[in-house]
Amino acid sequence: MESSSKNSDWAFTRKINGAGFPCFDNKLISEGIGLRMRNPDQSSSLFWLVIGIGIALCSLKYGFGNLHEPGPGFITFFAGAILIILSLTLFFFSFRDQKTRISLQSLWAGLETGKVLYVIFLLVAYTFLLKPVGFLIGTFFLLSLLFRVKGSYRLKTIFLMSFLVTAGSYIIFEIWLKAQLPKGVLGF
């Protein structure tokens, strides 16, 4: 069994019984991720460039408006433009940093996946519990649990920071901007 694409960016096809069949090379599996690329920054930046162009172009059909009366496509256009700028920056810097390139496996080394999954779980739970529990209580407990992930703060500090951020968010969005935040079953 031989690898059919030694010089391509993605080397993951080998011939099985004379037919091209997508699978992982043994060498690639031993490297950890299963995919080997010459420069992953170039590929990913081109992907995000296409996404950014798509967002910017699609937002134009919703109406751009102006600075004093922005249309529905105003923010999404600039989000797409920022994505385009960042992806082009990454693309051009990826040519400069080819000697300091790191492997995909080393990108994931030392990552505490338990904490990442815990944070994702908390954010998903927050979205489902925000309406029934309310903004103030839900945000306070979310921030308390997220600050606990860091692990180096005392409990008193965690509750103080959670209270200050929740109160500040409430003042900005509910009182100053008059946004309607979920009240929850307790009415606040």
Protein backbone atom coordinates (compact mmCIF):
# COMPACT_ATOMS: atom_id res chain seq x y z
CA MET A 1 0.00 0.00 0.00
CA GLU A 2 1.48 3.28 -1.07
CA SER A 3 0.64 6.88 -0.49
CA SER A 4 -0.66 8.59 -3.62
CA SER A 5 -0.10 12.23 -2.66
CA LYS A 6 3.29 12.81 -1.08
CA ASN A 7 3.59 16.45 -2.20
CA SER A 8 0.03 17.65 -1.65
CA ASP A 9 -1.03 19.79 1.30
CA TRP A 10 -3.40 17.12 2.59
CA ALA A 11 -1.84 13.67 2.56
CA PHE A 12 -4.57 11.24 3.51
CA THR A 13 -5.27 9.05 0.49
CA ARG A 14 -3.66 5.70 -0.23
CA LYS A 15 -4.48 3.01 -2.71
CA ILE A 16 -6.33 -0.04 -1.48
CA ASN A 17 -6.84 -2.86 -3.98
CA GLY A 18 -5.99 -0.53 -6.86
CA ALA A 19 -8.68 2.06 -6.02
CA GLY A 20 -8.18 5.40 -4.33
CA PHE A 21 -9.76 5.16 -0.89
CA PRO A 22 -9.69 7.98 1.66
CA CYS A 23 -8.03 6.80 4.82
CA PHE A 24 -5.18 7.79 7.04
CA ASP A 25 -1.61 6.77 6.46
CA ASN A 26 0.00 4.92 9.39
CA LYS A 27 2.66 7.61 9.62
CA LEU A 28 0.00 10.29 9.83
CA ILE A 29 -1.93 8.47 12.53
CA SER A 30 1.22 8.20 14.61
CA GLU A 31 1.64 11.99 14.35
CA GLY A 32 -1.56 12.44 16.31
CA ILE A 33 -4.10 14.35 14.27
CA GLY A 34 -4.17 12.30 11.09
CA LEU A 35 -3.71 15.17 8.65
CA ARG A 36 -0.41 16.68 7.60
CA MET A 37 -0.23 20.05 5.94
CA ARG A 38 2.72 22.10 4.81
CA ASN A 39 1.35 25.22 6.44
CA PRO A 40 -2.03 25.02 8.18
CA ASP A 41 -2.18 28.80 8.58
CA GLN A 42 -2.31 29.28 4.81
CA SER A 43 -5.15 26.81 4.36
CA SER A 44 -7.18 28.08 7.29
CA SER A 45 -6.68 31.73 6.34
CA LEU A 46 -7.94 31.05 2.82
CA PHE A 47 -10.98 29.28 4.28
CA TRP A 48 -11.79 32.26 6.52
CA LEU A 49 -11.13 34.66 3.63
CA VAL A 50 -13.84 32.94 1.58
CA ILE A 51 -16.22 32.98 4.59
CA GLY A 52 -15.50 36.69 5.18
CA ILE A 53 -16.15 37.57 1.54
CA GLY A 54 -19.38 35.58 1.64
CA ILE A 55 -20.55 37.37 4.80
CA ALA A 56 -19.69 40.80 3.41
CA LEU A 57 -21.41 40.15 0.07
CA CYS A 58 -24.52 38.60 1.60
CA SER A 59 -24.89 41.45 4.07
CA LEU A 60 -25.13 43.97 1.21
CA LYS A 61 -28.47 42.55 0.11
CA TYR A 62 -29.98 43.48 3.51
CA GLY A 63 -29.19 47.16 3.15
CA PHE A 64 -26.13 48.92 4.44
CA GLY A 65 -27.71 52.17 5.61
CA ASN A 66 -25.43 54.91 6.94
CA LEU A 67 -23.72 55.78 10.22
CA HIS A 68 -26.74 57.59 11.66
CA GLU A 69 -29.32 55.03 10.48
CA PRO A 70 -27.57 51.70 9.99
CA GLY A 71 -29.39 49.04 8.03
CA PRO A 72 -29.63 45.34 8.92
CA GLY A 73 -26.48 44.54 6.92
CA PHE A 74 -24.33 47.23 8.53
CA ILE A 75 -22.76 45.20 11.35
CA THR A 76 -22.49 41.98 9.39
CA PHE A 77 -20.71 43.79 6.55
CA PHE A 78 -18.06 45.11 8.91
CA ALA A 79 -17.79 41.72 10.62
CA GLY A 80 -17.07 40.19 7.21
CA ALA A 81 -14.60 42.97 6.39
CA ILE A 82 -12.74 42.41 9.67
CA LEU A 83 -12.65 38.68 8.96
CA ILE A 84 -11.20 39.39 5.50
CA ILE A 85 -8.50 41.66 6.94
CA LEU A 86 -7.54 39.18 9.66
CA SER A 87 -7.42 36.23 7.27
CA LEU A 88 -5.26 38.15 4.77
CA THR A 89 -2.95 39.19 7.61
CA LEU A 90 -2.61 35.57 8.73
CA PHE A 91 -2.06 34.42 5.15
CA PHE A 92 0.80 36.84 4.52
CA PHE A 93 2.41 36.28 7.92
CA SER A 94 2.30 32.51 7.35
CA PHE A 95 4.88 32.90 4.55
CA ARG A 96 7.20 34.80 6.85
CA ASP A 97 7.05 32.29 9.73
CA GLN A 98 7.74 29.07 7.82
CA LYS A 99 10.86 28.26 9.85
CA THR A 100 9.03 28.55 13.17
CA ARG A 101 6.08 26.41 12.07
CA ILE A 102 4.77 23.96 14.64
CA SER A 103 2.99 20.68 14.09
CA LEU A 104 -0.74 20.23 14.62
CA GLN A 105 -0.07 17.83 17.45
CA SER A 106 1.94 20.42 19.37
CA LEU A 107 -0.95 22.88 19.06
CA TRP A 108 -3.10 20.58 21.19
CA ALA A 109 -0.36 19.62 23.67
CA GLY A 110 -1.10 20.72 27.22
CA LEU A 111 -4.73 21.58 26.48
CA GLU A 112 -6.99 20.77 29.39
CA THR A 113 -9.90 19.29 27.46
CA GLY A 114 -11.92 18.74 30.63
CA LYS A 115 -12.01 22.48 31.30
CA VAL A 116 -12.87 23.25 27.69
CA LEU A 117 -15.78 20.81 27.71
CA TYR A 118 -16.92 22.19 31.07
CA VAL A 119 -16.97 25.77 29.71
CA ILE A 120 -18.87 24.66 26.60
CA PHE A 121 -21.39 22.83 28.78
CA LEU A 122 -21.84 25.93 30.97
CA LEU A 123 -22.44 28.19 27.97
CA VAL A 124 -24.96 25.80 26.43
CA ALA A 125 -26.76 25.43 29.76
CA TYR A 126 -26.80 29.24 30.15
CA THR A 127 -28.56 29.67 26.82
CA PHE A 128 -31.29 27.23 27.82
CA LEU A 129 -31.69 28.52 31.38
CA LEU A 130 -31.50 32.26 30.68
CA LYS A 131 -35.23 32.76 30.09
CA PRO A 132 -36.59 30.69 32.98
CA VAL A 133 -33.97 31.78 35.53
CA GLY A 134 -33.53 35.38 34.37
CA PHE A 135 -30.54 37.48 33.35
CA LEU A 136 -29.36 38.56 36.79
CA ILE A 137 -29.38 35.16 38.50
CA GLY A 138 -28.27 33.22 35.42
CA THR A 139 -25.39 35.53 34.58
CA PHE A 140 -24.21 35.70 38.19
CA PHE A 141 -24.05 31.92 38.50
CA LEU A 142 -22.51 31.49 35.04
CA LEU A 143 -19.73 33.94 35.84
CA SER A 144 -19.19 32.37 39.26
CA LEU A 145 -18.73 28.95 37.70
CA LEU A 146 -16.54 30.32 34.88
CA PHE A 147 -14.29 32.13 37.36
CA ARG A 148 -13.97 28.83 39.26
CA VAL A 149 -12.49 27.25 36.12
CA LYS A 150 -9.51 29.54 36.52
CA GLY A 151 -9.08 28.03 39.97
CA SER A 152 -6.76 30.63 41.49
CA TYR A 153 -9.36 32.99 42.96
CA ARG A 154 -10.81 32.87 46.45
CA LEU A 155 -14.56 32.31 46.72
CA LYS A 156 -15.12 35.84 48.04
CA THR A 157 -13.27 37.29 45.02
CA ILE A 158 -15.26 35.11 42.62
CA PHE A 159 -18.59 36.29 44.01
CA LEU A 160 -17.47 39.93 44.03
CA MET A 161 -16.26 39.82 40.42
CA SER A 162 -19.43 38.00 39.31
CA PHE A 163 -21.61 40.54 41.08
CA LEU A 164 -19.76 43.54 39.62
CA VAL A 165 -19.81 42.21 36.04
CA THR A 166 -23.49 41.20 36.30
CA ALA A 167 -24.48 44.56 37.82
CA GLY A 168 -22.45 46.46 35.23
CA SER A 169 -24.05 44.50 32.39
CA TYR A 170 -27.50 45.10 33.85
CA ILE A 171 -26.90 48.84 34.17
CA ILE A 172 -25.55 49.12 30.62
CA PHE A 173 -28.14 46.97 28.84
CA GLU A 174 -31.32 47.26 30.91
CA ILE A 175 -31.12 50.79 32.29
CA TRP A 176 -28.95 52.75 29.83
CA LEU A 177 -29.75 51.02 26.52
CA LYS A 178 -33.30 50.00 27.54
CA ALA A 179 -32.80 46.45 26.27
CA GLN A 180 -35.29 43.86 27.45
CA LEU A 181 -33.33 41.27 29.38
CA PRO A 182 -35.08 38.08 30.54
CA LYS A 183 -36.68 38.56 33.97
CA GLY A 184 -37.11 34.92 34.94
CA VAL A 185 -39.58 33.39 37.37
CA LEU A 186 -38.60 35.68 40.24
CA GLY A 187 -39.28 38.83 38.19
CA PHE A 188 -35.78 40.34 38.17
